[in-house]
Amino acid sequence: SYPQLIVHVILPGALPSFLIGLRY
């Protein structure tokens, strides 16, 4: 479903960018 897609695909895929943003 769309919520599952966000939790299991989009957020893990965006995690590297999130951590770079946190460092910055």
PDBML (XML) file of the C-alpha atoms, coordinates in Angstrom:
<?xml version="1.0" encoding="UTF-8" ?>
<PDBx:datablock datablockName="MODEL"
   xmlns:PDBx="http://pdbml.pdb.org/schema/pdbx-v50.xsd"
   xmlns:xsi="http://www.w3.org/2001/XMLSchema-instance"
   xsi:schemaLocation="http://pdbml.pdb.org/schema/pdbx-v50.xsd pdbx-v50.xsd">
   <PDBx:atom_siteCategory>
      <PDBx:atom_site id="1">
         <PDBx:B_iso_or_equiv>0.00</PDBx:B_iso_or_equiv>
         <PDBx:Cartn_x>0.000</PDBx:Cartn_x>
         <PDBx:Cartn_y>0.000</PDBx:Cartn_y>
         <PDBx:Cartn_z>0.000</PDBx:Cartn_z>
         <PDBx:auth_asym_id>A</PDBx:auth_asym_id>
         <PDBx:auth_atom_id>CA</PDBx:auth_atom_id>
         <PDBx:auth_comp_id>SER</PDBx:auth_comp_id>
         <PDBx:auth_seq_id>1</PDBx:auth_seq_id>
         <PDBx:group_PDB>ATOM</PDBx:group_PDB>
         <PDBx:label_alt_id xsi:nil="true" />
         <PDBx:label_asym_id>A</PDBx:label_asym_id>
         <PDBx:label_atom_id>CA</PDBx:label_atom_id>
         <PDBx:label_comp_id>SER</PDBx:label_comp_id>
         <PDBx:label_entity_id>1</PDBx:label_entity_id>
         <PDBx:label_seq_id>1</PDBx:label_seq_id>
         <PDBx:occupancy>1.00</PDBx:occupancy>
         <PDBx:pdbx_PDB_model_num>1</PDBx:pdbx_PDB_model_num>
         <PDBx:type_symbol>C</PDBx:type_symbol>
      </PDBx:atom_site>
      <PDBx:atom_site id="2">
         <PDBx:B_iso_or_equiv>0.00</PDBx:B_iso_or_equiv>
         <PDBx:Cartn_x>1.040</PDBx:Cartn_x>
         <PDBx:Cartn_y>3.649</PDBx:Cartn_y>
         <PDBx:Cartn_z>-0.212</PDBx:Cartn_z>
         <PDBx:auth_asym_id>A</PDBx:auth_asym_id>
         <PDBx:auth_atom_id>CA</PDBx:auth_atom_id>
         <PDBx:auth_comp_id>TYR</PDBx:auth_comp_id>
         <PDBx:auth_seq_id>2</PDBx:auth_seq_id>
         <PDBx:group_PDB>ATOM</PDBx:group_PDB>
         <PDBx:label_alt_id xsi:nil="true" />
         <PDBx:label_asym_id>A</PDBx:label_asym_id>
         <PDBx:label_atom_id>CA</PDBx:label_atom_id>
         <PDBx:label_comp_id>TYR</PDBx:label_comp_id>
         <PDBx:label_entity_id>1</PDBx:label_entity_id>
         <PDBx:label_seq_id>2</PDBx:label_seq_id>
         <PDBx:occupancy>1.00</PDBx:occupancy>
         <PDBx:pdbx_PDB_model_num>1</PDBx:pdbx_PDB_model_num>
         <PDBx:type_symbol>C</PDBx:type_symbol>
      </PDBx:atom_site>
      <PDBx:atom_site id="3">
         <PDBx:B_iso_or_equiv>0.00</PDBx:B_iso_or_equiv>
         <PDBx:Cartn_x>1.908</PDBx:Cartn_x>
         <PDBx:Cartn_y>3.906</PDBx:Cartn_y>
         <PDBx:Cartn_z>3.525</PDBx:Cartn_z>
         <PDBx:auth_asym_id>A</PDBx:auth_asym_id>
         <PDBx:auth_atom_id>CA</PDBx:auth_atom_id>
         <PDBx:auth_comp_id>PRO</PDBx:auth_comp_id>
         <PDBx:auth_seq_id>3</PDBx:auth_seq_id>
         <PDBx:group_PDB>ATOM</PDBx:group_PDB>
         <PDBx:label_alt_id xsi:nil="true" />
         <PDBx:label_asym_id>A</PDBx:label_asym_id>
         <PDBx:label_atom_id>CA</PDBx:label_atom_id>
         <PDBx:label_comp_id>PRO</PDBx:label_comp_id>
         <PDBx:label_entity_id>1</PDBx:label_entity_id>
         <PDBx:label_seq_id>3</PDBx:label_seq_id>
         <PDBx:occupancy>1.00</PDBx:occupancy>
         <PDBx:pdbx_PDB_model_num>1</PDBx:pdbx_PDB_model_num>
         <PDBx:type_symbol>C</PDBx:type_symbol>
      </PDBx:atom_site>
      <PDBx:atom_site id="4">
         <PDBx:B_iso_or_equiv>0.00</PDBx:B_iso_or_equiv>
         <PDBx:Cartn_x>3.872</PDBx:Cartn_x>
         <PDBx:Cartn_y>0.628</PDBx:Cartn_y>
         <PDBx:Cartn_z>3.293</PDBx:Cartn_z>
         <PDBx:auth_asym_id>A</PDBx:auth_asym_id>
         <PDBx:auth_atom_id>CA</PDBx:auth_atom_id>
         <PDBx:auth_comp_id>GLN</PDBx:auth_comp_id>
         <PDBx:auth_seq_id>4</PDBx:auth_seq_id>
         <PDBx:group_PDB>ATOM</PDBx:group_PDB>
         <PDBx:label_alt_id xsi:nil="true" />
         <PDBx:label_asym_id>A</PDBx:label_asym_id>
         <PDBx:label_atom_id>CA</PDBx:label_atom_id>
         <PDBx:label_comp_id>GLN</PDBx:label_comp_id>
         <PDBx:label_entity_id>1</PDBx:label_entity_id>
         <PDBx:label_seq_id>4</PDBx:label_seq_id>
         <PDBx:occupancy>1.00</PDBx:occupancy>
         <PDBx:pdbx_PDB_model_num>1</PDBx:pdbx_PDB_model_num>
         <PDBx:type_symbol>C</PDBx:type_symbol>
      </PDBx:atom_site>
      <PDBx:atom_site id="5">
         <PDBx:B_iso_or_equiv>0.00</PDBx:B_iso_or_equiv>
         <PDBx:Cartn_x>5.653</PDBx:Cartn_x>
         <PDBx:Cartn_y>1.935</PDBx:Cartn_y>
         <PDBx:Cartn_z>0.212</PDBx:Cartn_z>
         <PDBx:auth_asym_id>A</PDBx:auth_asym_id>
         <PDBx:auth_atom_id>CA</PDBx:auth_atom_id>
         <PDBx:auth_comp_id>LEU</PDBx:auth_comp_id>
         <PDBx:auth_seq_id>5</PDBx:auth_seq_id>
         <PDBx:group_PDB>ATOM</PDBx:group_PDB>
         <PDBx:label_alt_id xsi:nil="true" />
         <PDBx:label_asym_id>A</PDBx:label_asym_id>
         <PDBx:label_atom_id>CA</PDBx:label_atom_id>
         <PDBx:label_comp_id>LEU</PDBx:label_comp_id>
         <PDBx:label_entity_id>1</PDBx:label_entity_id>
         <PDBx:label_seq_id>5</PDBx:label_seq_id>
         <PDBx:occupancy>1.00</PDBx:occupancy>
         <PDBx:pdbx_PDB_model_num>1</PDBx:pdbx_PDB_model_num>
         <PDBx:type_symbol>C</PDBx:type_symbol>
      </PDBx:atom_site>
      <PDBx:atom_site id="6">
         <PDBx:B_iso_or_equiv>0.00</PDBx:B_iso_or_equiv>
         <PDBx:Cartn_x>6.771</PDBx:Cartn_x>
         <PDBx:Cartn_y>5.014</PDBx:Cartn_y>
         <PDBx:Cartn_z>2.154</PDBx:Cartn_z>
         <PDBx:auth_asym_id>A</PDBx:auth_asym_id>
         <PDBx:auth_atom_id>CA</PDBx:auth_atom_id>
         <PDBx:auth_comp_id>ILE</PDBx:auth_comp_id>
         <PDBx:auth_seq_id>6</PDBx:auth_seq_id>
         <PDBx:group_PDB>ATOM</PDBx:group_PDB>
         <PDBx:label_alt_id xsi:nil="true" />
         <PDBx:label_asym_id>A</PDBx:label_asym_id>
         <PDBx:label_atom_id>CA</PDBx:label_atom_id>
         <PDBx:label_comp_id>ILE</PDBx:label_comp_id>
         <PDBx:label_entity_id>1</PDBx:label_entity_id>
         <PDBx:label_seq_id>6</PDBx:label_seq_id>
         <PDBx:occupancy>1.00</PDBx:occupancy>
         <PDBx:pdbx_PDB_model_num>1</PDBx:pdbx_PDB_model_num>
         <PDBx:type_symbol>C</PDBx:type_symbol>
      </PDBx:atom_site>
      <PDBx:atom_site id="7">
         <PDBx:B_iso_or_equiv>0.00</PDBx:B_iso_or_equiv>
         <PDBx:Cartn_x>7.924</PDBx:Cartn_x>
         <PDBx:Cartn_y>3.020</PDBx:Cartn_y>
         <PDBx:Cartn_z>5.191</PDBx:Cartn_z>
         <PDBx:auth_asym_id>A</PDBx:auth_asym_id>
         <PDBx:auth_atom_id>CA</PDBx:auth_atom_id>
         <PDBx:auth_comp_id>VAL</PDBx:auth_comp_id>
         <PDBx:auth_seq_id>7</PDBx:auth_seq_id>
         <PDBx:group_PDB>ATOM</PDBx:group_PDB>
         <PDBx:label_alt_id xsi:nil="true" />
         <PDBx:label_asym_id>A</PDBx:label_asym_id>
         <PDBx:label_atom_id>CA</PDBx:label_atom_id>
         <PDBx:label_comp_id>VAL</PDBx:label_comp_id>
         <PDBx:label_entity_id>1</PDBx:label_entity_id>
         <PDBx:label_seq_id>7</PDBx:label_seq_id>
         <PDBx:occupancy>1.00</PDBx:occupancy>
         <PDBx:pdbx_PDB_model_num>1</PDBx:pdbx_PDB_model_num>
         <PDBx:type_symbol>C</PDBx:type_symbol>
      </PDBx:atom_site>
      <PDBx:atom_site id="8">
         <PDBx:B_iso_or_equiv>0.00</PDBx:B_iso_or_equiv>
         <PDBx:Cartn_x>9.632</PDBx:Cartn_x>
         <PDBx:Cartn_y>0.103</PDBx:Cartn_y>
         <PDBx:Cartn_z>3.443</PDBx:Cartn_z>
         <PDBx:auth_asym_id>A</PDBx:auth_asym_id>
         <PDBx:auth_atom_id>CA</PDBx:auth_atom_id>
         <PDBx:auth_comp_id>HIS</PDBx:auth_comp_id>
         <PDBx:auth_seq_id>8</PDBx:auth_seq_id>
         <PDBx:group_PDB>ATOM</PDBx:group_PDB>
         <PDBx:label_alt_id xsi:nil="true" />
         <PDBx:label_asym_id>A</PDBx:label_asym_id>
         <PDBx:label_atom_id>CA</PDBx:label_atom_id>
         <PDBx:label_comp_id>HIS</PDBx:label_comp_id>
         <PDBx:label_entity_id>1</PDBx:label_entity_id>
         <PDBx:label_seq_id>8</PDBx:label_seq_id>
         <PDBx:occupancy>1.00</PDBx:occupancy>
         <PDBx:pdbx_PDB_model_num>1</PDBx:pdbx_PDB_model_num>
         <PDBx:type_symbol>C</PDBx:type_symbol>
      </PDBx:atom_site>
      <PDBx:atom_site id="9">
         <PDBx:B_iso_or_equiv>0.00</PDBx:B_iso_or_equiv>
         <PDBx:Cartn_x>10.959</PDBx:Cartn_x>
         <PDBx:Cartn_y>1.646</PDBx:Cartn_y>
         <PDBx:Cartn_z>0.217</PDBx:Cartn_z>
         <PDBx:auth_asym_id>A</PDBx:auth_asym_id>
         <PDBx:auth_atom_id>CA</PDBx:auth_atom_id>
         <PDBx:auth_comp_id>VAL</PDBx:auth_comp_id>
         <PDBx:auth_seq_id>9</PDBx:auth_seq_id>
         <PDBx:group_PDB>ATOM</PDBx:group_PDB>
         <PDBx:label_alt_id xsi:nil="true" />
         <PDBx:label_asym_id>A</PDBx:label_asym_id>
         <PDBx:label_atom_id>CA</PDBx:label_atom_id>
         <PDBx:label_comp_id>VAL</PDBx:label_comp_id>
         <PDBx:label_entity_id>1</PDBx:label_entity_id>
         <PDBx:label_seq_id>9</PDBx:label_seq_id>
         <PDBx:occupancy>1.00</PDBx:occupancy>
         <PDBx:pdbx_PDB_model_num>1</PDBx:pdbx_PDB_model_num>
         <PDBx:type_symbol>C</PDBx:type_symbol>
      </PDBx:atom_site>
      <PDBx:atom_site id="10">
         <PDBx:B_iso_or_equiv>0.00</PDBx:B_iso_or_equiv>
         <PDBx:Cartn_x>11.067</PDBx:Cartn_x>
         <PDBx:Cartn_y>5.441</PDBx:Cartn_y>
         <PDBx:Cartn_z>0.122</PDBx:Cartn_z>
         <PDBx:auth_asym_id>A</PDBx:auth_asym_id>
         <PDBx:auth_atom_id>CA</PDBx:auth_atom_id>
         <PDBx:auth_comp_id>ILE</PDBx:auth_comp_id>
         <PDBx:auth_seq_id>10</PDBx:auth_seq_id>
         <PDBx:group_PDB>ATOM</PDBx:group_PDB>
         <PDBx:label_alt_id xsi:nil="true" />
         <PDBx:label_asym_id>A</PDBx:label_asym_id>
         <PDBx:label_atom_id>CA</PDBx:label_atom_id>
         <PDBx:label_comp_id>ILE</PDBx:label_comp_id>
         <PDBx:label_entity_id>1</PDBx:label_entity_id>
         <PDBx:label_seq_id>10</PDBx:label_seq_id>
         <PDBx:occupancy>1.00</PDBx:occupancy>
         <PDBx:pdbx_PDB_model_num>1</PDBx:pdbx_PDB_model_num>
         <PDBx:type_symbol>C</PDBx:type_symbol>
      </PDBx:atom_site>
      <PDBx:atom_site id="11">
         <PDBx:B_iso_or_equiv>0.00</PDBx:B_iso_or_equiv>
         <PDBx:Cartn_x>12.303</PDBx:Cartn_x>
         <PDBx:Cartn_y>6.213</PDBx:Cartn_y>
         <PDBx:Cartn_z>3.635</PDBx:Cartn_z>
         <PDBx:auth_asym_id>A</PDBx:auth_asym_id>
         <PDBx:auth_atom_id>CA</PDBx:auth_atom_id>
         <PDBx:auth_comp_id>LEU</PDBx:auth_comp_id>
         <PDBx:auth_seq_id>11</PDBx:auth_seq_id>
         <PDBx:group_PDB>ATOM</PDBx:group_PDB>
         <PDBx:label_alt_id xsi:nil="true" />
         <PDBx:label_asym_id>A</PDBx:label_asym_id>
         <PDBx:label_atom_id>CA</PDBx:label_atom_id>
         <PDBx:label_comp_id>LEU</PDBx:label_comp_id>
         <PDBx:label_entity_id>1</PDBx:label_entity_id>
         <PDBx:label_seq_id>11</PDBx:label_seq_id>
         <PDBx:occupancy>1.00</PDBx:occupancy>
         <PDBx:pdbx_PDB_model_num>1</PDBx:pdbx_PDB_model_num>
         <PDBx:type_symbol>C</PDBx:type_symbol>
      </PDBx:atom_site>
      <PDBx:atom_site id="12">
         <PDBx:B_iso_or_equiv>0.00</PDBx:B_iso_or_equiv>
         <PDBx:Cartn_x>15.074</PDBx:Cartn_x>
         <PDBx:Cartn_y>3.547</PDBx:Cartn_y>
         <PDBx:Cartn_z>3.647</PDBx:Cartn_z>
         <PDBx:auth_asym_id>A</PDBx:auth_asym_id>
         <PDBx:auth_atom_id>CA</PDBx:auth_atom_id>
         <PDBx:auth_comp_id>PRO</PDBx:auth_comp_id>
         <PDBx:auth_seq_id>12</PDBx:auth_seq_id>
         <PDBx:group_PDB>ATOM</PDBx:group_PDB>
         <PDBx:label_alt_id xsi:nil="true" />
         <PDBx:label_asym_id>A</PDBx:label_asym_id>
         <PDBx:label_atom_id>CA</PDBx:label_atom_id>
         <PDBx:label_comp_id>PRO</PDBx:label_comp_id>
         <PDBx:label_entity_id>1</PDBx:label_entity_id>
         <PDBx:label_seq_id>12</PDBx:label_seq_id>
         <PDBx:occupancy>1.00</PDBx:occupancy>
         <PDBx:pdbx_PDB_model_num>1</PDBx:pdbx_PDB_model_num>
         <PDBx:type_symbol>C</PDBx:type_symbol>
      </PDBx:atom_site>
      <PDBx:atom_site id="13">
         <PDBx:B_iso_or_equiv>0.00</PDBx:B_iso_or_equiv>
         <PDBx:Cartn_x>16.116</PDBx:Cartn_x>
         <PDBx:Cartn_y>4.696</PDBx:Cartn_y>
         <PDBx:Cartn_z>0.183</PDBx:Cartn_z>
         <PDBx:auth_asym_id>A</PDBx:auth_asym_id>
         <PDBx:auth_atom_id>CA</PDBx:auth_atom_id>
         <PDBx:auth_comp_id>GLY</PDBx:auth_comp_id>
         <PDBx:auth_seq_id>13</PDBx:auth_seq_id>
         <PDBx:group_PDB>ATOM</PDBx:group_PDB>
         <PDBx:label_alt_id xsi:nil="true" />
         <PDBx:label_asym_id>A</PDBx:label_asym_id>
         <PDBx:label_atom_id>CA</PDBx:label_atom_id>
         <PDBx:label_comp_id>GLY</PDBx:label_comp_id>
         <PDBx:label_entity_id>1</PDBx:label_entity_id>
         <PDBx:label_seq_id>13</PDBx:label_seq_id>
         <PDBx:occupancy>1.00</PDBx:occupancy>
         <PDBx:pdbx_PDB_model_num>1</PDBx:pdbx_PDB_model_num>
         <PDBx:type_symbol>C</PDBx:type_symbol>
      </PDBx:atom_site>
      <PDBx:atom_site id="14">
         <PDBx:B_iso_or_equiv>0.00</PDBx:B_iso_or_equiv>
         <PDBx:Cartn_x>16.286</PDBx:Cartn_x>
         <PDBx:Cartn_y>8.325</PDBx:Cartn_y>
         <PDBx:Cartn_z>1.345</PDBx:Cartn_z>
         <PDBx:auth_asym_id>A</PDBx:auth_asym_id>
         <PDBx:auth_atom_id>CA</PDBx:auth_atom_id>
         <PDBx:auth_comp_id>ALA</PDBx:auth_comp_id>
         <PDBx:auth_seq_id>14</PDBx:auth_seq_id>
         <PDBx:group_PDB>ATOM</PDBx:group_PDB>
         <PDBx:label_alt_id xsi:nil="true" />
         <PDBx:label_asym_id>A</PDBx:label_asym_id>
         <PDBx:label_atom_id>CA</PDBx:label_atom_id>
         <PDBx:label_comp_id>ALA</PDBx:label_comp_id>
         <PDBx:label_entity_id>1</PDBx:label_entity_id>
         <PDBx:label_seq_id>14</PDBx:label_seq_id>
         <PDBx:occupancy>1.00</PDBx:occupancy>
         <PDBx:pdbx_PDB_model_num>1</PDBx:pdbx_PDB_model_num>
         <PDBx:type_symbol>C</PDBx:type_symbol>
      </PDBx:atom_site>
      <PDBx:atom_site id="15">
         <PDBx:B_iso_or_equiv>0.00</PDBx:B_iso_or_equiv>
         <PDBx:Cartn_x>18.130</PDBx:Cartn_x>
         <PDBx:Cartn_y>7.474</PDBx:Cartn_y>
         <PDBx:Cartn_z>4.582</PDBx:Cartn_z>
         <PDBx:auth_asym_id>A</PDBx:auth_asym_id>
         <PDBx:auth_atom_id>CA</PDBx:auth_atom_id>
         <PDBx:auth_comp_id>LEU</PDBx:auth_comp_id>
         <PDBx:auth_seq_id>15</PDBx:auth_seq_id>
         <PDBx:group_PDB>ATOM</PDBx:group_PDB>
         <PDBx:label_alt_id xsi:nil="true" />
         <PDBx:label_asym_id>A</PDBx:label_asym_id>
         <PDBx:label_atom_id>CA</PDBx:label_atom_id>
         <PDBx:label_comp_id>LEU</PDBx:label_comp_id>
         <PDBx:label_entity_id>1</PDBx:label_entity_id>
         <PDBx:label_seq_id>15</PDBx:label_seq_id>
         <PDBx:occupancy>1.00</PDBx:occupancy>
         <PDBx:pdbx_PDB_model_num>1</PDBx:pdbx_PDB_model_num>
         <PDBx:type_symbol>C</PDBx:type_symbol>
      </PDBx:atom_site>
      <PDBx:atom_site id="16">
         <PDBx:B_iso_or_equiv>0.00</PDBx:B_iso_or_equiv>
         <PDBx:Cartn_x>21.637</PDBx:Cartn_x>
         <PDBx:Cartn_y>8.148</PDBx:Cartn_y>
         <PDBx:Cartn_z>3.152</PDBx:Cartn_z>
         <PDBx:auth_asym_id>A</PDBx:auth_asym_id>
         <PDBx:auth_atom_id>CA</PDBx:auth_atom_id>
         <PDBx:auth_comp_id>PRO</PDBx:auth_comp_id>
         <PDBx:auth_seq_id>16</PDBx:auth_seq_id>
         <PDBx:group_PDB>ATOM</PDBx:group_PDB>
         <PDBx:label_alt_id xsi:nil="true" />
         <PDBx:label_asym_id>A</PDBx:label_asym_id>
         <PDBx:label_atom_id>CA</PDBx:label_atom_id>
         <PDBx:label_comp_id>PRO</PDBx:label_comp_id>
         <PDBx:label_entity_id>1</PDBx:label_entity_id>
         <PDBx:label_seq_id>16</PDBx:label_seq_id>
         <PDBx:occupancy>1.00</PDBx:occupancy>
         <PDBx:pdbx_PDB_model_num>1</PDBx:pdbx_PDB_model_num>
         <PDBx:type_symbol>C</PDBx:type_symbol>
      </PDBx:atom_site>
      <PDBx:atom_site id="17">
         <PDBx:B_iso_or_equiv>0.00</PDBx:B_iso_or_equiv>
         <PDBx:Cartn_x>20.526</PDBx:Cartn_x>
         <PDBx:Cartn_y>11.627</PDBx:Cartn_y>
         <PDBx:Cartn_z>2.076</PDBx:Cartn_z>
         <PDBx:auth_asym_id>A</PDBx:auth_asym_id>
         <PDBx:auth_atom_id>CA</PDBx:auth_atom_id>
         <PDBx:auth_comp_id>SER</PDBx:auth_comp_id>
         <PDBx:auth_seq_id>17</PDBx:auth_seq_id>
         <PDBx:group_PDB>ATOM</PDBx:group_PDB>
         <PDBx:label_alt_id xsi:nil="true" />
         <PDBx:label_asym_id>A</PDBx:label_asym_id>
         <PDBx:label_atom_id>CA</PDBx:label_atom_id>
         <PDBx:label_comp_id>SER</PDBx:label_comp_id>
         <PDBx:label_entity_id>1</PDBx:label_entity_id>
         <PDBx:label_seq_id>17</PDBx:label_seq_id>
         <PDBx:occupancy>1.00</PDBx:occupancy>
         <PDBx:pdbx_PDB_model_num>1</PDBx:pdbx_PDB_model_num>
         <PDBx:type_symbol>C</PDBx:type_symbol>
      </PDBx:atom_site>
      <PDBx:atom_site id="18">
         <PDBx:B_iso_or_equiv>0.00</PDBx:B_iso_or_equiv>
         <PDBx:Cartn_x>18.925</PDBx:Cartn_x>
         <PDBx:Cartn_y>12.197</PDBx:Cartn_y>
         <PDBx:Cartn_z>5.476</PDBx:Cartn_z>
         <PDBx:auth_asym_id>A</PDBx:auth_asym_id>
         <PDBx:auth_atom_id>CA</PDBx:auth_atom_id>
         <PDBx:auth_comp_id>PHE</PDBx:auth_comp_id>
         <PDBx:auth_seq_id>18</PDBx:auth_seq_id>
         <PDBx:group_PDB>ATOM</PDBx:group_PDB>
         <PDBx:label_alt_id xsi:nil="true" />
         <PDBx:label_asym_id>A</PDBx:label_asym_id>
         <PDBx:label_atom_id>CA</PDBx:label_atom_id>
         <PDBx:label_comp_id>PHE</PDBx:label_comp_id>
         <PDBx:label_entity_id>1</PDBx:label_entity_id>
         <PDBx:label_seq_id>18</PDBx:label_seq_id>
         <PDBx:occupancy>1.00</PDBx:occupancy>
         <PDBx:pdbx_PDB_model_num>1</PDBx:pdbx_PDB_model_num>
         <PDBx:type_symbol>C</PDBx:type_symbol>
      </PDBx:atom_site>
      <PDBx:atom_site id="19">
         <PDBx:B_iso_or_equiv>0.00</PDBx:B_iso_or_equiv>
         <PDBx:Cartn_x>22.183</PDBx:Cartn_x>
         <PDBx:Cartn_y>11.362</PDBx:Cartn_y>
         <PDBx:Cartn_z>7.275</PDBx:Cartn_z>
         <PDBx:auth_asym_id>A</PDBx:auth_asym_id>
         <PDBx:auth_atom_id>CA</PDBx:auth_atom_id>
         <PDBx:auth_comp_id>LEU</PDBx:auth_comp_id>
         <PDBx:auth_seq_id>19</PDBx:auth_seq_id>
         <PDBx:group_PDB>ATOM</PDBx:group_PDB>
         <PDBx:label_alt_id xsi:nil="true" />
         <PDBx:label_asym_id>A</PDBx:label_asym_id>
         <PDBx:label_atom_id>CA</PDBx:label_atom_id>
         <PDBx:label_comp_id>LEU</PDBx:label_comp_id>
         <PDBx:label_entity_id>1</PDBx:label_entity_id>
         <PDBx:label_seq_id>19</PDBx:label_seq_id>
         <PDBx:occupancy>1.00</PDBx:occupancy>
         <PDBx:pdbx_PDB_model_num>1</PDBx:pdbx_PDB_model_num>
         <PDBx:type_symbol>C</PDBx:type_symbol>
      </PDBx:atom_site>
      <PDBx:atom_site id="20">
         <PDBx:B_iso_or_equiv>0.00</PDBx:B_iso_or_equiv>
         <PDBx:Cartn_x>24.176</PDBx:Cartn_x>
         <PDBx:Cartn_y>13.625</PDBx:Cartn_y>
         <PDBx:Cartn_z>4.957</PDBx:Cartn_z>
         <PDBx:auth_asym_id>A</PDBx:auth_asym_id>
         <PDBx:auth_atom_id>CA</PDBx:auth_atom_id>
         <PDBx:auth_comp_id>ILE</PDBx:auth_comp_id>
         <PDBx:auth_seq_id>20</PDBx:auth_seq_id>
         <PDBx:group_PDB>ATOM</PDBx:group_PDB>
         <PDBx:label_alt_id xsi:nil="true" />
         <PDBx:label_asym_id>A</PDBx:label_asym_id>
         <PDBx:label_atom_id>CA</PDBx:label_atom_id>
         <PDBx:label_comp_id>ILE</PDBx:label_comp_id>
         <PDBx:label_entity_id>1</PDBx:label_entity_id>
         <PDBx:label_seq_id>20</PDBx:label_seq_id>
         <PDBx:occupancy>1.00</PDBx:occupancy>
         <PDBx:pdbx_PDB_model_num>1</PDBx:pdbx_PDB_model_num>
         <PDBx:type_symbol>C</PDBx:type_symbol>
      </PDBx:atom_site>
      <PDBx:atom_site id="21">
         <PDBx:B_iso_or_equiv>0.00</PDBx:B_iso_or_equiv>
         <PDBx:Cartn_x>21.719</PDBx:Cartn_x>
         <PDBx:Cartn_y>16.400</PDBx:Cartn_y>
         <PDBx:Cartn_z>5.753</PDBx:Cartn_z>
         <PDBx:auth_asym_id>A</PDBx:auth_asym_id>
         <PDBx:auth_atom_id>CA</PDBx:auth_atom_id>
         <PDBx:auth_comp_id>GLY</PDBx:auth_comp_id>
         <PDBx:auth_seq_id>21</PDBx:auth_seq_id>
         <PDBx:group_PDB>ATOM</PDBx:group_PDB>
         <PDBx:label_alt_id xsi:nil="true" />
         <PDBx:label_asym_id>A</PDBx:label_asym_id>
         <PDBx:label_atom_id>CA</PDBx:label_atom_id>
         <PDBx:label_comp_id>GLY</PDBx:label_comp_id>
         <PDBx:label_entity_id>1</PDBx:label_entity_id>
         <PDBx:label_seq_id>21</PDBx:label_seq_id>
         <PDBx:occupancy>1.00</PDBx:occupancy>
         <PDBx:pdbx_PDB_model_num>1</PDBx:pdbx_PDB_model_num>
         <PDBx:type_symbol>C</PDBx:type_symbol>
      </PDBx:atom_site>
      <PDBx:atom_site id="22">
         <PDBx:B_iso_or_equiv>0.00</PDBx:B_iso_or_equiv>
         <PDBx:Cartn_x>22.131</PDBx:Cartn_x>
         <PDBx:Cartn_y>15.711</PDBx:Cartn_y>
         <PDBx:Cartn_z>9.466</PDBx:Cartn_z>
         <PDBx:auth_asym_id>A</PDBx:auth_asym_id>
         <PDBx:auth_atom_id>CA</PDBx:auth_atom_id>
         <PDBx:auth_comp_id>LEU</PDBx:auth_comp_id>
         <PDBx:auth_seq_id>22</PDBx:auth_seq_id>
         <PDBx:group_PDB>ATOM</PDBx:group_PDB>
         <PDBx:label_alt_id xsi:nil="true" />
         <PDBx:label_asym_id>A</PDBx:label_asym_id>
         <PDBx:label_atom_id>CA</PDBx:label_atom_id>
         <PDBx:label_comp_id>LEU</PDBx:label_comp_id>
         <PDBx:label_entity_id>1</PDBx:label_entity_id>
         <PDBx:label_seq_id>22</PDBx:label_seq_id>
         <PDBx:occupancy>1.00</PDBx:occupancy>
         <PDBx:pdbx_PDB_model_num>1</PDBx:pdbx_PDB_model_num>
         <PDBx:type_symbol>C</PDBx:type_symbol>
      </PDBx:atom_site>
      <PDBx:atom_site id="23">
         <PDBx:B_iso_or_equiv>0.00</PDBx:B_iso_or_equiv>
         <PDBx:Cartn_x>25.922</PDBx:Cartn_x>
         <PDBx:Cartn_y>16.003</PDBx:Cartn_y>
         <PDBx:Cartn_z>9.184</PDBx:Cartn_z>
         <PDBx:auth_asym_id>A</PDBx:auth_asym_id>
         <PDBx:auth_atom_id>CA</PDBx:auth_atom_id>
         <PDBx:auth_comp_id>ARG</PDBx:auth_comp_id>
         <PDBx:auth_seq_id>23</PDBx:auth_seq_id>
         <PDBx:group_PDB>ATOM</PDBx:group_PDB>
         <PDBx:label_alt_id xsi:nil="true" />
         <PDBx:label_asym_id>A</PDBx:label_asym_id>
         <PDBx:label_atom_id>CA</PDBx:label_atom_id>
         <PDBx:label_comp_id>ARG</PDBx:label_comp_id>
         <PDBx:label_entity_id>1</PDBx:label_entity_id>
         <PDBx:label_seq_id>23</PDBx:label_seq_id>
         <PDBx:occupancy>1.00</PDBx:occupancy>
         <PDBx:pdbx_PDB_model_num>1</PDBx:pdbx_PDB_model_num>
         <PDBx:type_symbol>C</PDBx:type_symbol>
      </PDBx:atom_site>
      <PDBx:atom_site id="24">
         <PDBx:B_iso_or_equiv>0.00</PDBx:B_iso_or_equiv>
         <PDBx:Cartn_x>25.603</PDBx:Cartn_x>
         <PDBx:Cartn_y>19.193</PDBx:Cartn_y>
         <PDBx:Cartn_z>7.189</PDBx:Cartn_z>
         <PDBx:auth_asym_id>A</PDBx:auth_asym_id>
         <PDBx:auth_atom_id>CA</PDBx:auth_atom_id>
         <PDBx:auth_comp_id>TYR</PDBx:auth_comp_id>
         <PDBx:auth_seq_id>24</PDBx:auth_seq_id>
         <PDBx:group_PDB>ATOM</PDBx:group_PDB>
         <PDBx:label_alt_id xsi:nil="true" />
         <PDBx:label_asym_id>A</PDBx:label_asym_id>
         <PDBx:label_atom_id>CA</PDBx:label_atom_id>
         <PDBx:label_comp_id>TYR</PDBx:label_comp_id>
         <PDBx:label_entity_id>1</PDBx:label_entity_id>
         <PDBx:label_seq_id>24</PDBx:label_seq_id>
         <PDBx:occupancy>1.00</PDBx:occupancy>
         <PDBx:pdbx_PDB_model_num>1</PDBx:pdbx_PDB_model_num>
         <PDBx:type_symbol>C</PDBx:type_symbol>
      </PDBx:atom_site>
   </PDBx:atom_siteCategory>
</PDBx:datablock>
